N, C-alpha and C. Protein backbone atom coordinates (compact mmCIF):
# COMPACT_ATOMS: atom_id res chain seq x y z
N UNK A 1 0.83 -1.20 0.00
CA UNK A 1 0.00 0.00 0.00
C UNK A 1 0.87 1.26 0.00
N UNK A 2 0.37 2.27 -0.62
CA UNK A 2 1.08 3.55 -0.63
C UNK A 2 0.95 4.22 0.72
N UNK A 3 1.85 5.12 1.02
CA UNK A 3 1.84 5.82 2.30
C UNK A 3 0.52 6.55 2.53
N UNK A 4 -0.02 7.20 1.51
CA UNK A 4 -1.27 7.93 1.64
C UNK A 4 -2.41 7.01 2.04
N UNK A 5 -2.41 5.78 1.54
CA UNK A 5 -3.45 4.83 1.89
C UNK A 5 -3.33 4.37 3.34
N UNK A 6 -2.12 4.30 3.85
CA UNK A 6 -1.91 3.83 5.22
C UNK A 6 -2.10 4.93 6.26
N UNK A 7 -2.21 6.16 5.84
CA UNK A 7 -2.35 7.27 6.77
C UNK A 7 -3.60 7.11 7.64
N UNK A 8 -4.71 6.75 7.05
CA UNK A 8 -5.97 6.54 7.76
C UNK A 8 -6.25 5.05 7.79
N UNK A 9 -6.51 4.53 8.99
CA UNK A 9 -6.66 3.09 9.17
C UNK A 9 -8.05 2.74 9.70
N UNK A 10 -8.50 1.53 9.40
CA UNK A 10 -9.76 1.01 9.91
C UNK A 10 -9.50 0.26 11.22
N UNK A 11 -10.57 -0.15 11.88
CA UNK A 11 -10.45 -0.94 13.10
C UNK A 11 -9.66 -2.22 12.82
N UNK A 12 -9.99 -2.89 11.74
CA UNK A 12 -9.31 -4.13 11.39
C UNK A 12 -7.81 -3.89 11.17
N UNK A 13 -7.47 -2.83 10.46
CA UNK A 13 -6.06 -2.52 10.20
C UNK A 13 -5.30 -2.19 11.49
N UNK A 14 -5.94 -1.42 12.38
CA UNK A 14 -5.29 -1.07 13.64
C UNK A 14 -5.11 -2.33 14.50
N UNK A 15 -6.11 -3.18 14.52
CA UNK A 15 -6.02 -4.43 15.29
C UNK A 15 -4.86 -5.28 14.78
N UNK A 16 -4.72 -5.39 13.48
CA UNK A 16 -3.61 -6.15 12.91
C UNK A 16 -2.28 -5.48 13.22
N UNK A 17 -2.24 -4.17 13.08
CA UNK A 17 -1.01 -3.41 13.30
C UNK A 17 -0.52 -3.55 14.74
N UNK A 18 -1.46 -3.46 15.71
CA UNK A 18 -1.09 -3.54 17.13
C UNK A 18 -1.15 -4.97 17.66
N UNK A 19 -1.60 -5.89 16.82
CA UNK A 19 -1.75 -7.31 17.22
C UNK A 19 -2.66 -7.44 18.43
N UNK A 20 -3.81 -6.78 18.32
CA UNK A 20 -4.85 -6.84 19.34
C UNK A 20 -6.15 -7.28 18.69
N UNK A 21 -7.09 -7.72 19.51
CA UNK A 21 -8.40 -8.10 19.00
C UNK A 21 -9.16 -6.85 18.56
N UNK A 22 -10.00 -7.00 17.54
CA UNK A 22 -10.81 -5.86 17.08
C UNK A 22 -11.69 -5.34 18.21
N UNK A 23 -12.20 -6.23 19.06
CA UNK A 23 -13.04 -5.82 20.19
C UNK A 23 -12.27 -4.88 21.12
N UNK A 24 -10.99 -5.13 21.31
CA UNK A 24 -10.15 -4.27 22.15
C UNK A 24 -10.01 -2.89 21.52
N UNK A 25 -9.83 -2.86 20.21
CA UNK A 25 -9.71 -1.57 19.52
C UNK A 25 -11.00 -0.77 19.66
N UNK A 26 -12.16 -1.43 19.47
CA UNK A 26 -13.45 -0.74 19.65
C UNK A 26 -13.56 -0.19 21.07
N UNK A 27 -13.21 -1.01 22.06
CA UNK A 27 -13.31 -0.59 23.46
C UNK A 27 -12.43 0.63 23.73
N UNK A 28 -11.18 0.58 23.26
CA UNK A 28 -10.27 1.70 23.48
C UNK A 28 -10.72 2.97 22.75
N UNK A 29 -11.25 2.81 21.55
CA UNK A 29 -11.74 3.97 20.78
C UNK A 29 -12.97 4.57 21.45
N UNK A 30 -13.91 3.73 21.87
CA UNK A 30 -15.14 4.22 22.49
C UNK A 30 -14.87 4.92 23.82
N UNK A 31 -13.87 4.44 24.55
CA UNK A 31 -13.55 5.05 25.84
C UNK A 31 -12.70 6.32 25.70
N UNK A 32 -12.19 6.56 24.50
CA UNK A 32 -11.37 7.73 24.26
C UNK A 32 -9.90 7.51 24.58
N UNK A 33 -9.53 6.28 24.96
CA UNK A 33 -8.13 5.98 25.28
C UNK A 33 -7.26 5.95 24.03
N UNK A 34 -7.81 5.47 22.93
CA UNK A 34 -7.11 5.37 21.67
C UNK A 34 -7.60 6.50 20.76
N UNK A 35 -6.70 7.30 20.20
CA UNK A 35 -7.15 8.42 19.35
C UNK A 35 -7.86 7.91 18.10
N UNK A 36 -9.11 8.32 17.96
CA UNK A 36 -9.93 7.86 16.83
C UNK A 36 -11.02 8.87 16.53
N UNK A 37 -11.56 8.75 15.32
CA UNK A 37 -12.67 9.59 14.89
C UNK A 37 -13.77 8.68 14.38
N UNK A 38 -14.98 8.92 14.81
CA UNK A 38 -16.10 8.14 14.32
C UNK A 38 -16.70 8.86 13.11
N UNK A 39 -16.71 8.18 11.99
CA UNK A 39 -17.26 8.73 10.75
C UNK A 39 -18.51 7.90 10.45
N UNK A 40 -19.66 8.50 10.68
CA UNK A 40 -20.90 7.73 10.54
C UNK A 40 -20.92 6.65 11.61
N UNK A 41 -20.97 5.40 11.18
CA UNK A 41 -21.00 4.28 12.11
C UNK A 41 -19.65 3.57 12.21
N UNK A 42 -18.62 4.12 11.57
CA UNK A 42 -17.32 3.45 11.55
C UNK A 42 -16.25 4.32 12.22
N UNK A 43 -15.24 3.64 12.75
CA UNK A 43 -14.12 4.32 13.37
C UNK A 43 -12.97 4.42 12.38
N UNK A 44 -12.25 5.53 12.43
CA UNK A 44 -11.05 5.71 11.62
C UNK A 44 -9.94 6.22 12.53
N UNK A 45 -8.72 5.84 12.18
CA UNK A 45 -7.55 6.12 13.01
C UNK A 45 -6.44 6.68 12.13
N UNK A 46 -5.76 7.69 12.63
CA UNK A 46 -4.62 8.25 11.91
C UNK A 46 -3.38 7.51 12.41
N UNK A 47 -2.63 6.91 11.50
CA UNK A 47 -1.50 6.06 11.85
C UNK A 47 -0.50 6.78 12.74
N UNK A 48 -0.17 8.02 12.43
CA UNK A 48 0.84 8.72 13.23
C UNK A 48 0.37 8.91 14.67
N UNK A 49 -0.95 9.08 14.89
CA UNK A 49 -1.47 9.21 16.25
C UNK A 49 -1.46 7.87 16.98
N UNK A 50 -1.69 6.78 16.24
CA UNK A 50 -1.61 5.44 16.83
C UNK A 50 -0.17 5.17 17.26
N UNK A 51 0.79 5.52 16.41
CA UNK A 51 2.20 5.34 16.75
C UNK A 51 2.58 6.14 18.00
N UNK A 52 2.12 7.37 18.07
CA UNK A 52 2.40 8.23 19.22
C UNK A 52 1.76 7.64 20.48
N UNK A 53 0.50 7.18 20.38
CA UNK A 53 -0.19 6.56 21.51
C UNK A 53 0.58 5.34 21.99
N UNK A 54 1.05 4.52 21.06
CA UNK A 54 1.79 3.31 21.42
C UNK A 54 3.08 3.64 22.15
N UNK A 55 3.80 4.65 21.66
CA UNK A 55 5.05 5.06 22.31
C UNK A 55 4.78 5.49 23.76
N UNK A 56 3.69 6.23 23.96
CA UNK A 56 3.34 6.67 25.31
C UNK A 56 2.99 5.47 26.18
N UNK A 57 2.23 4.53 25.64
CA UNK A 57 1.85 3.33 26.40
C UNK A 57 3.09 2.51 26.76
N UNK A 58 4.03 2.43 25.86
CA UNK A 58 5.24 1.64 26.08
C UNK A 58 6.12 2.25 27.16
N UNK A 59 5.99 3.55 27.39
CA UNK A 59 6.82 4.22 28.38
C UNK A 59 6.18 4.22 29.78
N UNK A 60 4.94 3.71 29.89
CA UNK A 60 4.28 3.64 31.19
C UNK A 60 4.90 2.53 32.04
N UNK A 61 4.80 2.63 33.36
CA UNK A 61 5.27 1.52 34.21
C UNK A 61 4.56 0.22 33.81
N UNK A 62 5.07 -0.91 34.23
CA UNK A 62 4.60 -2.22 33.79
C UNK A 62 3.17 -2.56 34.16
N UNK A 63 2.40 -1.65 34.75
CA UNK A 63 0.99 -1.89 34.95
C UNK A 63 0.37 -2.11 33.60
N UNK A 64 -0.78 -2.75 33.55
CA UNK A 64 -1.44 -3.03 32.28
C UNK A 64 -1.81 -1.72 31.58
N UNK A 65 -1.08 -1.39 30.53
CA UNK A 65 -1.33 -0.18 29.76
C UNK A 65 -2.58 -0.32 28.93
N UNK A 66 -2.85 -1.52 28.43
CA UNK A 66 -4.06 -1.78 27.65
C UNK A 66 -4.86 -2.78 28.45
N UNK A 67 -5.99 -2.33 28.97
CA UNK A 67 -6.82 -3.20 29.81
C UNK A 67 -7.67 -4.13 28.99
């Protein structure tokens, strides 16, 4: 995929990228923990914000960063 196509990601793409269940991505997006935008009935994610979120989570103490 071209870079422009990867800029905006779907729930499925984010789940694959982070190696998490889609249900976890929905939960994190709905709670506002994961940066996301709801467009109609679907969630969309900006890759650079997901990367930034992950870096912040990785720097947290070993408590469960993703519940």
